[in-house]
Protein backbone atom coordinates (compact mmCIF):
# COMPACT_ATOMS: atom_id res chain seq x y z
CA MET A 1 85.45 82.91 84.92
CA ARG A 2 82.74 80.94 86.69
CA PHE A 3 82.74 77.17 86.24
CA LEU A 4 79.94 74.81 87.25
CA ILE A 5 80.87 71.13 87.46
CA LEU A 6 78.14 68.49 87.26
CA SER A 7 79.53 65.14 88.39
CA GLN A 8 77.97 62.12 90.05
CA TYR A 9 81.25 61.59 91.93
CA PHE A 10 82.96 64.02 94.29
CA PRO A 11 84.86 64.03 97.62
CA PRO A 12 84.57 62.84 100.35
CA GLU A 13 84.20 59.80 98.11
CA ILE A 14 87.45 58.13 97.08
CA GLY A 15 88.16 57.37 93.44
CA ALA A 16 89.80 58.63 90.26
CA PRO A 17 87.16 61.22 89.19
CA GLN A 18 86.91 62.51 92.76
CA VAL A 19 90.66 63.06 93.02
CA ARG A 20 90.79 64.49 89.51
CA TRP A 21 88.09 67.12 90.00
CA ALA A 22 89.35 68.08 93.43
CA ALA A 23 92.76 68.81 91.89
CA VAL A 24 91.34 70.69 88.88
CA ILE A 25 89.13 72.82 91.15
CA ARG A 26 92.01 73.71 93.45
CA GLU A 27 94.03 74.85 90.46
CA LEU A 28 91.14 76.88 89.01
CA LEU A 29 90.70 78.60 92.37
CA ARG A 30 94.42 79.32 92.57
CA LEU A 31 94.16 81.02 89.19
CA GLY A 32 91.36 83.26 90.43
CA HIS A 33 88.32 81.52 88.93
CA THR A 34 85.07 80.64 90.72
CA VAL A 35 83.79 77.06 90.90
CA GLU A 36 80.48 75.54 91.96
CA VAL A 37 79.63 71.82 92.02
CA VAL A 38 76.43 69.80 91.67
CA THR A 39 76.86 66.21 92.75
CA ALA A 40 75.20 63.26 94.47
CA LEU A 41 75.08 62.49 98.16
CA PRO A 42 78.33 60.56 98.70
CA ASN A 43 77.85 56.80 98.28
CA TYR A 44 80.75 55.46 96.19
CA PRO A 45 82.27 52.85 96.12
CA GLU A 46 80.40 50.95 98.83
CA GLY A 47 76.94 51.61 97.36
CA HIS A 48 75.28 53.24 100.37
CA ILE A 49 74.87 56.87 101.41
CA PHE A 50 77.58 57.94 103.86
CA PRO A 51 76.31 58.17 107.47
CA ASP A 52 76.62 61.97 107.77
CA TYR A 53 74.46 62.45 104.65
CA GLN A 54 71.61 60.01 105.26
CA GLN A 55 67.95 60.99 105.58
CA ARG A 56 68.38 63.94 103.19
CA PHE A 57 67.12 64.70 99.71
CA ALA A 58 69.20 67.79 99.00
CA MET A 59 71.72 69.94 100.81
CA THR A 60 74.36 72.59 100.17
CA GLU A 61 77.76 72.66 101.86
CA THR A 62 81.10 74.42 101.39
CA TRP A 63 84.05 72.36 100.23
CA GLU A 64 87.51 73.54 101.29
CA THR A 65 86.09 76.92 102.40
CA GLN A 66 85.52 78.31 98.88
CA VAL A 67 83.40 75.97 96.76
CA LEU A 68 79.62 75.64 97.08
CA VAL A 69 78.64 72.00 96.61
CA HIS A 70 74.99 71.20 95.99
CA ARG A 71 74.26 67.55 96.81
CA VAL A 72 71.11 65.64 95.87
CA TRP A 73 69.70 62.19 96.54
CA ILE A 74 70.75 59.21 94.43
CA TYR A 75 69.72 55.57 94.40
CA ALA A 76 72.89 54.16 95.93
CA ALA A 77 74.13 50.92 94.38
CA LYS A 78 77.29 49.19 93.21
CA GLY A 79 78.10 46.55 90.64
CA ALA A 80 76.48 46.16 87.25
CA GLY A 81 72.98 45.39 86.02
CA TRP A 82 69.68 47.18 86.53
CA LYS A 83 70.66 48.57 89.95
CA ARG A 84 73.61 50.39 88.41
CA LEU A 85 71.38 51.80 85.66
CA LEU A 86 68.89 52.97 88.28
CA ASN A 87 71.79 54.57 90.13
CA TYR A 88 72.70 56.54 87.00
CA PHE A 89 69.16 57.50 86.02
CA SER A 90 68.18 58.62 89.52
CA PHE A 91 70.94 61.23 89.56
CA LEU A 92 70.09 62.29 86.01
CA VAL A 93 66.73 63.43 87.42
CA THR A 94 67.63 64.68 90.90
CA ALA A 95 70.60 66.67 89.57
CA ILE A 96 68.03 69.12 88.19
CA PHE A 97 67.23 70.19 91.76
CA GLY A 98 70.91 70.84 92.45
CA LEU A 99 71.33 72.83 89.23
CA ARG A 100 68.41 75.05 90.22
CA LYS A 101 70.37 76.13 93.30
CA ALA A 102 73.52 76.99 91.34
CA GLN A 103 74.36 80.34 89.79
CA LYS A 104 74.59 80.74 86.03
CA PRO A 105 78.14 79.79 85.03
CA ASP A 106 80.34 80.83 82.14
CA TYR A 107 80.98 77.14 81.43
CA LEU A 108 79.04 74.03 82.49
CA ILE A 109 81.30 70.97 82.69
CA VAL A 110 79.65 67.53 82.80
CA GLU A 111 81.55 64.41 83.89
CA SER A 112 80.96 61.17 81.98
CA PRO A 113 80.43 58.37 82.84
CA PRO A 114 77.60 58.13 83.39
CA LEU A 115 76.85 58.98 79.78
CA PHE A 116 73.20 59.74 80.58
CA LEU A 117 74.16 62.71 82.76
CA GLY A 118 75.00 64.53 79.55
CA ILE A 119 71.26 64.90 78.92
CA THR A 120 70.78 66.90 82.12
CA GLY A 121 73.91 68.93 81.44
CA TYR A 122 72.89 69.77 77.88
CA LEU A 123 69.41 70.92 78.95
CA ALA A 124 70.85 73.10 81.73
CA ALA A 125 73.45 74.64 79.41
CA LYS A 126 70.76 75.35 76.83
CA TRP A 127 68.56 76.98 79.49
CA TRP A 128 71.42 79.21 80.67
CA LYS A 129 72.75 79.70 77.11
CA VAL A 130 76.29 78.80 78.16
CA PRO A 131 78.88 76.42 76.66
CA PHE A 132 78.38 72.72 77.48
CA VAL A 133 81.75 71.03 78.09
CA PHE A 134 81.48 67.24 78.09
CA ASN A 135 84.34 65.58 79.98
CA ILE A 136 84.83 62.04 78.68
CA ALA A 137 86.70 59.96 81.25
CA ASP A 138 85.59 56.65 79.71
CA LEU A 139 84.55 55.66 76.19
CA TRP A 140 81.19 54.26 77.21
CA PRO A 141 79.37 52.40 75.61
CA ASP A 142 82.30 51.14 73.50
CA CYS A 143 84.01 49.53 76.48
CA VAL A 144 80.93 47.72 77.82
CA ARG A 145 80.30 46.33 74.34
CA ALA A 146 83.90 45.20 73.83
CA LEU A 147 84.12 43.60 77.27
CA GLY A 148 80.76 41.84 76.92
CA ILE A 149 79.19 43.67 79.86
CA LEU A 150 76.27 44.65 77.61
CA GLN A 151 75.14 42.42 74.76
CA PRO A 152 73.88 43.86 71.45
CA GLY A 153 70.28 44.91 71.82
CA VAL A 154 67.99 47.82 72.49
CA THR A 155 69.91 49.14 75.52
CA LEU A 156 73.23 49.24 73.70
CA THR A 157 71.70 50.76 70.58
CA VAL A 158 70.02 53.54 72.58
CA ALA A 159 73.28 54.23 74.42
CA GLU A 160 75.25 54.50 71.18
CA ARG A 161 72.72 56.89 69.66
CA LEU A 162 72.71 58.98 72.82
CA GLU A 163 76.52 59.12 72.73
CA ALA A 164 76.51 60.41 69.15
CA TRP A 165 73.80 62.96 69.97
CA LEU A 166 75.66 64.31 73.00
CA TYR A 167 78.91 64.61 71.06
CA LYS A 168 77.02 66.63 68.47
CA LYS A 169 75.36 68.90 71.06
CA ALA A 170 78.43 69.50 73.25
CA THR A 171 80.22 72.80 72.70
CA PHE A 172 83.52 71.19 73.68
CA ILE A 173 84.62 67.67 74.60
CA ASN A 174 87.50 67.01 76.99
CA ALA A 175 89.64 63.99 76.09
CA VAL A 176 91.81 62.48 78.83
CA SER A 177 94.42 60.90 76.53
CA PHE A 178 95.93 61.31 73.07
CA ASP A 179 94.45 58.02 71.91
CA MET A 180 90.99 59.06 73.06
CA GLN A 181 91.44 62.36 71.22
CA ASP A 182 92.18 60.42 68.02
CA ILE A 183 89.19 58.10 68.53
CA LEU A 184 86.81 61.02 69.03
CA ILE A 185 88.02 62.81 65.89
CA GLN A 186 88.70 59.90 63.54
CA GLN A 187 86.16 57.26 64.59
CA LYS A 188 83.41 59.29 66.27
CA GLN A 189 83.62 62.05 63.65
CA VAL A 190 83.74 64.85 66.25
CA PRO A 191 85.05 68.08 64.68
CA SER A 192 88.64 68.59 65.82
CA HIS A 193 87.99 72.17 67.00
CA LYS A 194 85.56 70.81 69.63
CA VAL A 195 88.04 68.35 71.20
CA LEU A 196 90.18 69.68 74.04
CA PHE A 197 92.96 67.82 75.86
CA LEU A 198 92.61 67.52 79.65
CA PRO A 199 94.67 64.51 80.75
CA ASN A 200 95.12 63.24 84.25
CA GLY A 201 97.69 65.20 86.20
CA VAL A 202 99.15 64.73 89.65
CA ASP A 203 99.63 66.82 92.76
CA THR A 204 103.39 66.46 93.19
CA HIS A 205 103.25 67.93 96.70
CA ARG A 206 100.60 65.54 98.01
CA PHE A 207 102.11 62.59 96.14
CA ARG A 208 105.82 62.73 96.81
CA PRO A 209 108.62 60.44 97.99
CA GLN A 210 108.45 59.90 101.75
CA PRO A 211 110.60 58.03 104.26
CA PHE A 212 109.50 54.55 105.27
CA ASP A 213 106.50 54.99 107.60
CA VAL A 214 107.10 52.51 110.42
CA THR A 215 104.02 53.71 112.33
CA LEU A 216 101.75 53.05 109.34
CA GLN A 217 103.35 49.65 108.82
CA THR A 218 102.48 48.75 112.40
CA GLN A 219 98.94 50.14 112.15
CA LEU A 220 98.23 48.06 109.05
CA GLY A 221 99.85 44.95 110.48
CA LEU A 222 102.25 44.60 107.56
CA PRO A 223 105.25 42.27 107.81
CA ASN A 224 108.82 43.20 106.91
CA GLN A 225 108.58 41.89 103.35
CA PRO A 226 108.97 43.46 99.89
CA ILE A 227 105.55 44.97 99.15
CA PHE A 228 104.07 45.47 95.69
CA LEU A 229 101.16 47.86 96.05
CA TYR A 230 97.94 48.28 94.09
CA THR A 231 95.75 51.25 95.06
CA GLY A 232 92.42 52.21 93.53
CA THR A 233 89.23 50.77 92.17
CA HIS A 234 88.88 46.97 92.00
CA GLY A 235 86.76 46.99 88.83
CA TYR A 236 86.10 44.60 85.98
CA THR A 237 88.15 46.58 83.45
CA HIS A 238 91.23 46.39 85.69
CA GLY A 239 91.54 42.61 85.35
CA MET A 240 93.15 42.21 88.76
CA GLU A 241 92.99 38.42 88.60
CA VAL A 242 96.43 38.61 86.99
CA ILE A 243 97.84 39.83 90.32
CA LEU A 244 96.46 36.79 92.13
CA GLN A 245 97.83 34.48 89.44
CA ALA A 246 101.26 36.13 89.64
CA ALA A 247 101.17 35.85 93.43
CA GLN A 248 100.61 32.11 93.09
CA LEU A 249 103.68 31.87 90.85
CA LEU A 250 105.71 33.79 93.45
CA ASN A 251 104.85 31.67 96.48
CA ASP A 252 108.52 30.65 96.66
CA THR A 253 109.49 34.26 97.49
CA ASN A 254 108.76 36.55 100.43
CA VAL A 255 106.92 39.14 98.28
CA LEU A 256 103.59 40.53 99.52
CA PHE A 257 100.90 41.99 97.25
CA LEU A 258 98.94 44.68 99.07
CA LEU A 259 95.65 45.56 97.31
CA VAL A 260 94.07 48.74 98.65
CA GLY A 261 90.70 50.04 97.51
CA GLY A 262 87.12 49.05 96.85
CA GLY A 263 84.88 48.29 93.92
CA SER A 264 82.44 45.85 92.39
CA GLU A 265 85.06 43.13 91.83
CA LYS A 266 86.62 43.19 95.30
CA PRO A 267 84.36 40.54 96.93
CA ARG A 268 84.96 38.16 94.04
CA LEU A 269 88.72 38.76 94.16
CA GLN A 270 88.78 38.11 97.90
CA GLN A 271 86.85 34.88 97.43
CA ARG A 272 89.15 33.81 94.61
CA CYS A 273 92.21 34.60 96.75
CA GLN A 274 90.83 32.36 99.48
CA GLU A 275 90.04 29.56 97.03
CA MET A 276 93.62 29.74 95.68
CA GLY A 277 95.01 29.55 99.21
CA LEU A 278 97.19 32.60 98.72
CA THR A 279 99.08 33.79 101.79
CA ASN A 280 101.06 36.51 99.99
CA VAL A 281 98.08 38.73 99.13
CA MET A 282 96.47 41.20 101.55
CA PHE A 283 93.40 43.38 100.99
CA GLN A 284 92.84 46.74 102.66
CA ASP A 285 89.93 49.21 102.51
CA SER A 286 90.07 52.39 100.42
CA LYS A 287 92.30 55.15 101.76
CA PRO A 288 91.94 58.93 101.29
CA PRO A 289 94.48 60.62 98.97
CA ASP A 290 96.53 61.97 101.90
CA GLN A 291 97.31 58.39 102.96
CA ILE A 292 98.42 57.12 99.55
CA ALA A 293 101.94 58.57 99.58
CA PRO A 294 102.68 57.12 103.05
CA LEU A 295 101.44 53.76 101.72
CA TYR A 296 103.88 53.94 98.83
CA SER A 297 106.68 54.64 101.30
CA LEU A 298 106.21 51.02 102.39
CA ALA A 299 106.25 49.61 98.86
CA MET A 300 109.00 48.48 96.55
CA ALA A 301 106.83 49.25 93.51
CA GLY A 302 103.30 50.11 92.44
CA ILE A 303 101.17 47.90 90.19
CA CYS A 304 98.67 48.93 87.49
CA THR A 305 96.60 46.41 85.54
CA LEU A 306 94.12 46.52 82.65
CA ARG A 307 92.23 43.83 80.82
CA ASP A 308 93.35 42.87 77.33
CA SER A 309 91.02 44.90 75.10
CA PRO A 310 91.80 47.35 72.29
CA LEU A 311 89.20 49.74 73.70
CA LEU A 312 91.15 50.04 76.95
CA GLU A 313 94.39 50.97 75.22
CA TRP A 314 93.49 54.68 75.18
CA THR A 315 93.53 54.72 78.99
CA ARG A 316 95.92 56.74 81.17
CA LEU A 317 95.33 55.40 84.67
CA ALA A 318 95.66 58.10 87.31
CA LYS A 319 97.34 55.65 89.67
CA VAL A 320 100.32 55.47 87.30
CA LEU A 321 101.03 59.14 87.93
CA ALA A 322 100.64 58.76 91.69
CA ILE A 323 103.20 55.94 91.71
CA MET A 324 105.63 58.00 89.64
CA ALA A 325 105.13 61.08 91.81
CA CYS A 326 105.86 59.01 94.92
CA GLY A 327 109.19 58.00 93.40
CA LYS A 328 108.38 54.31 93.01
CA PRO A 329 108.80 52.11 89.93
CA VAL A 330 105.66 51.20 87.99
CA LEU A 331 104.76 47.63 87.08
CA TYR A 332 102.30 48.12 84.23
CA SER A 333 100.29 45.12 83.07
CA GLY A 334 98.54 46.48 79.99
CA ALA A 335 98.89 47.93 76.52
CA GLY A 336 98.36 51.24 74.80
CA GLU A 337 98.93 54.82 75.92
CA GLY A 338 99.53 54.01 79.58
CA SER A 339 102.27 51.56 78.72
CA ARG A 340 103.86 54.06 76.32
CA LEU A 341 103.85 56.70 79.06
CA VAL A 342 105.73 54.40 81.47
CA LYS A 343 108.26 53.56 78.75
CA GLN A 344 108.70 57.18 77.67
CA ALA A 345 109.41 58.21 81.25
CA ASN A 346 111.58 55.10 81.80
CA ALA A 347 109.63 54.79 85.04
CA GLY A 348 109.26 51.03 85.35
CA LEU A 349 108.50 47.76 83.59
CA VAL A 350 105.68 47.04 81.13
CA VAL A 351 104.29 43.55 80.56
CA PRO A 352 101.46 42.33 78.30
CA PRO A 353 97.94 42.50 79.77
CA GLN A 354 96.60 39.45 81.62
CA ASP A 355 99.96 37.65 81.48
CA PRO A 356 100.70 36.40 85.01
CA VAL A 357 104.03 34.80 84.05
CA ALA A 358 105.33 38.08 82.65
CA LEU A 359 104.09 39.99 85.69
CA ALA A 360 105.70 37.50 88.09
CA ASN A 361 108.97 37.73 86.17
CA ALA A 362 108.86 41.55 86.36
CA VAL A 363 108.40 41.35 90.13
CA ARG A 364 111.39 39.01 90.39
CA TYR A 365 113.46 41.37 88.24
CA LEU A 366 112.81 44.38 90.50
CA MET A 367 113.52 42.34 93.61
CA ASN A 368 116.84 41.20 92.10
CA HIS A 369 117.78 44.67 90.82
CA PRO A 370 116.98 47.10 93.65
CA LYS A 371 119.27 49.85 92.33
CA GLU A 372 117.49 49.83 88.97
CA ALA A 373 114.16 49.92 90.77
CA ILE A 374 115.25 53.07 92.60
CA GLU A 375 116.38 54.62 89.31
CA PHE A 376 113.00 53.87 87.72
CA GLY A 377 111.35 55.66 90.63
CA ASN A 378 113.60 58.70 90.36
CA GLN A 379 112.99 59.02 86.61
CA GLY A 380 109.24 58.74 87.05
CA ARG A 381 109.29 61.51 89.64
CA MET A 382 111.28 63.81 87.35
CA TYR A 383 108.92 63.13 84.46
CA VAL A 384 105.72 64.11 86.28
CA GLU A 385 107.40 67.17 87.80
CA THR A 386 108.25 68.35 84.29
CA HIS A 387 105.14 67.36 82.32
CA LEU A 388 102.15 66.35 84.43
CA GLN A 389 101.75 68.60 87.45
CA TRP A 390 98.18 69.83 87.69
CA SER A 391 99.32 73.45 87.37
CA THR A 392 100.74 72.66 83.92
CA VAL A 393 97.81 70.48 82.83
CA VAL A 394 95.07 72.94 83.83
CA ALA A 395 96.90 75.97 82.41
CA ASN A 396 97.24 74.22 79.05
CA TRP A 397 93.55 73.25 79.08
CA LEU A 398 92.40 76.79 79.90
CA GLN A 399 94.49 78.13 77.05
CA GLN A 400 92.81 75.68 74.65
CA LEU A 401 89.39 76.66 75.99
CA VAL A 402 89.93 80.39 75.54
CA VAL A 403 91.68 80.11 72.16
CA THR A 404 88.99 77.76 70.81
CA LYS A 405 86.19 80.03 71.98
CA TYR A 406 87.65 83.35 70.94
CA GLY A 407 90.42 82.49 68.52
């Protein structure tokens, strides 16, 4: 089969959707399918076009020797507000030029967010008369309403109506978690036969236990201290302030919190860290996927955080699986499906969201029980090997797709 993926985000950018689609594409290719991609000129998360792609409107390149990637201009921006909306809407329009260069697929898959990109995807699928598969990685606009990012008004109303319209027009909708699947069917009234399950998986070869990387420790200037590592986007929904607050409570220990990544909240977090006078928190720039496993070789545990909101409880953070695959215990500050996954795998400790005391106590517990920490890591590794390798995830999704279409 021929798949065409329309996504605003794609490598060489670093982030969850970029890693996710790269892994899905590799697996589709391994199974003998053909994949083409239409995406934006790389600009995320820093909000400016990467140097090698500047002064261009559109271009086509080959990714990993087999995949044609059609890139088009986008208004590069980061953060929230009107600049972010302009960022979304610019790609909604320019993506049309990339789609014109692509061959007719058997399936057109559209990544959301941004929600608006579904309009372009629907029109292209209708033109080609092919199935429109809407991949929902985030329940937008529900989350922005619940978190107060958008206040009730015209913009939110239009977004909610667009969401309902796109769910109606999509041939299939990919849900990334069981809770999201339930929300789509029970609350959004999407017919169950349209909802497919495509959760986050993990590349257990790329993300695997590795020996302590002394060279990397030296390169990053890291001291010989117990390191608790956060990798990934520093965004509003992640509520990373709880890490800073826990670090303040742990200033009587030699623990170091290493926060690696970028995002709209990073400058504010760095400023807050300075204002709090924290000496046990270190920030590093985003790292490519190949450098994440070596980073975890330096860590005692990996940290995942989410804000306290019912509309974030459906989330399965991809970084949880990376931590488990690297054989490290997970410290999960959040509620919902992600916390249940960690508990089911017995892969670490779960504390309530935005509770710095509980998070600090969990850090102390792992430091005082190193053998149990190692056991958590081993159990997490076994769990993802059995259930969440990308080969298993993609094969199950393809079976749903074929059975739903022809069954």
